[in-house]
């Protein structure tokens, strides 16, 4: 079995850590909004890196779960005034900029600490030793 990627969504996000985090958060949110066990299983597989988002996005389970949610979102969007749409767009852009900044700061912190990321493979080799 292939080893799971530390962040399986980076591929779809084209290496953009903030976009990957946003996709992860979105999939988690969508998973919680549906009772479809097949969709939930596929999302779990994507989030753990067992499957790729590209592999499952066109599946019947994704369509079954997401089409009603997308239609509901589109209806809500159509009901907004232009001003409300602009406000939401600005809010989304601010939130995404904050997410990008958090990701940048975290990457910088990891670099300063000598870490390679959330799964750098050195979990068993800490600074502590029992051979003193």
Protein backbone atom coordinates (compact mmCIF):
# COMPACT_ATOMS: atom_id res chain seq x y z
CA UNK A 1 0.00 0.00 0.00
CA UNK A 2 1.31 3.46 -0.85
CA UNK A 3 2.25 5.73 2.01
CA UNK A 4 -0.27 8.51 2.65
CA UNK A 5 0.88 12.02 1.87
CA UNK A 6 1.31 14.35 4.87
CA UNK A 7 -1.15 16.70 3.16
CA UNK A 8 -3.03 14.83 0.46
CA UNK A 9 -4.81 17.96 -0.75
CA UNK A 10 -1.64 19.83 -1.69
CA UNK A 11 -1.73 18.18 -5.12
CA UNK A 12 -5.17 19.55 -5.97
CA UNK A 13 -4.22 22.88 -4.41
CA UNK A 14 -1.10 22.99 -6.62
CA UNK A 15 1.17 23.22 -3.61
CA UNK A 16 -0.73 26.12 -2.03
CA UNK A 17 -0.84 25.25 1.68
CA UNK A 18 -3.57 27.79 2.46
CA UNK A 19 -5.79 26.50 -0.33
CA UNK A 20 -5.12 22.95 0.83
CA UNK A 21 -6.17 23.89 4.37
CA UNK A 22 -9.29 25.56 2.98
CA UNK A 23 -10.15 22.43 0.98
CA UNK A 24 -9.61 20.27 4.06
CA UNK A 25 -11.87 22.52 6.15
CA UNK A 26 -14.50 22.58 3.41
CA UNK A 27 -14.52 18.81 2.99
CA UNK A 28 -14.82 18.37 6.75
CA UNK A 29 -17.73 20.81 6.85
CA UNK A 30 -19.47 19.12 3.92
CA UNK A 31 -18.92 15.71 5.47
CA UNK A 32 -20.82 16.92 8.52
CA UNK A 33 -23.75 18.19 6.45
CA UNK A 34 -24.63 14.87 4.86
CA UNK A 35 -25.78 11.53 6.17
CA UNK A 36 -24.58 9.66 3.06
CA UNK A 37 -22.19 6.99 4.38
CA UNK A 38 -20.49 6.51 1.01
CA UNK A 39 -19.74 10.23 0.70
CA UNK A 40 -18.45 10.33 4.27
CA UNK A 41 -16.21 7.34 3.60
CA UNK A 42 -14.81 8.96 0.45
CA UNK A 43 -14.13 12.22 2.29
CA UNK A 44 -12.38 10.28 5.06
CA UNK A 45 -10.28 8.54 2.42
CA UNK A 46 -9.32 11.88 0.86
CA UNK A 47 -8.51 13.51 4.19
CA UNK A 48 -6.26 10.64 5.20
CA UNK A 49 -4.56 10.44 1.82
CA UNK A 50 -5.84 6.99 0.88
CA UNK A 51 -7.61 8.49 -2.17
CA UNK A 52 -7.14 11.66 -4.16
CA UNK A 53 -9.79 14.35 -4.41
CA UNK A 54 -9.51 14.20 -8.19
CA UNK A 55 -10.29 10.48 -8.04
CA UNK A 56 -13.51 10.84 -6.09
CA UNK A 57 -14.86 14.28 -7.04
CA UNK A 58 -16.71 12.93 -10.08
CA UNK A 59 -18.23 9.99 -8.25
CA UNK A 60 -21.95 9.43 -7.88
CA UNK A 61 -21.59 9.71 -4.10
CA UNK A 62 -20.08 13.19 -4.40
CA UNK A 63 -22.83 14.27 -6.79
CA UNK A 64 -25.55 12.86 -4.53
CA UNK A 65 -24.19 14.69 -1.51
CA UNK A 66 -23.02 17.95 -3.04
CA UNK A 67 -25.63 18.75 -5.69
CA UNK A 68 -28.38 19.58 -3.18
CA UNK A 69 -25.96 21.62 -1.06
CA UNK A 70 -24.70 23.51 -4.11
CA UNK A 71 -28.25 24.25 -5.23
CA UNK A 72 -29.15 25.48 -1.76
CA UNK A 73 -26.08 27.74 -1.73
CA UNK A 74 -26.90 29.06 -5.20
CA UNK A 75 -30.44 29.90 -4.10
CA UNK A 76 -29.15 31.77 -1.07
CA UNK A 77 -26.64 33.63 -3.24
CA UNK A 78 -29.33 34.65 -5.74
CA UNK A 79 -31.39 36.07 -2.88
CA UNK A 80 -28.57 38.43 -1.83
CA UNK A 81 -28.39 42.04 -2.91
CA UNK A 82 -25.34 43.22 -4.85
CA UNK A 83 -24.13 44.98 -1.71
CA UNK A 84 -24.45 41.79 0.36
CA UNK A 85 -22.58 39.84 -2.31
CA UNK A 86 -19.78 42.41 -2.29
CA UNK A 87 -19.59 42.28 1.51
CA UNK A 88 -19.40 38.49 1.49
CA UNK A 89 -16.73 38.55 -1.22
CA UNK A 90 -14.64 40.98 0.83
CA UNK A 91 -15.11 38.87 3.95
CA UNK A 92 -14.03 35.75 2.09
CA UNK A 93 -10.96 37.48 0.70
CA UNK A 94 -9.99 38.74 4.17
CA UNK A 95 -10.46 35.30 5.69
CA UNK A 96 -8.40 33.66 2.96
CA UNK A 97 -5.65 36.27 3.35
CA UNK A 98 -5.59 35.52 7.09
CA UNK A 99 -5.39 31.80 6.36
CA UNK A 100 -2.49 32.38 3.95
CA UNK A 101 -0.71 34.46 6.59
CA UNK A 102 -1.20 31.77 9.24
CA UNK A 103 0.15 29.14 6.85
CA UNK A 104 3.14 31.35 5.99
CA UNK A 105 3.88 32.00 9.67
CA UNK A 106 3.56 28.30 10.49
CA UNK A 107 5.92 27.34 7.66
CA UNK A 108 8.36 29.98 8.83
CA UNK A 109 8.13 28.71 12.42
CA UNK A 110 8.71 25.13 11.28
CA UNK A 111 11.75 26.29 9.34
CA UNK A 112 13.12 28.20 12.33
CA UNK A 113 12.55 25.21 14.60
CA UNK A 114 14.20 22.85 12.13
CA UNK A 115 10.95 20.98 11.59
CA UNK A 116 10.00 19.63 8.20
CA UNK A 117 6.25 19.74 8.68
CA UNK A 118 3.50 17.97 10.53
CA UNK A 119 4.80 14.51 9.59
CA UNK A 120 8.55 14.82 9.20
CA UNK A 121 9.13 11.23 10.28
CA UNK A 122 11.26 12.14 13.30
CA UNK A 123 8.60 11.74 15.97
CA UNK A 124 10.58 9.00 17.71
CA UNK A 125 13.81 10.97 17.83
CA UNK A 126 13.18 13.82 20.23
CA UNK A 127 15.78 15.74 22.21
CA UNK A 128 15.15 13.72 25.35
CA UNK A 129 17.26 10.71 26.08
CA UNK A 130 17.01 8.08 28.77
CA UNK A 131 20.67 7.15 28.58
CA UNK A 132 22.08 9.81 30.90
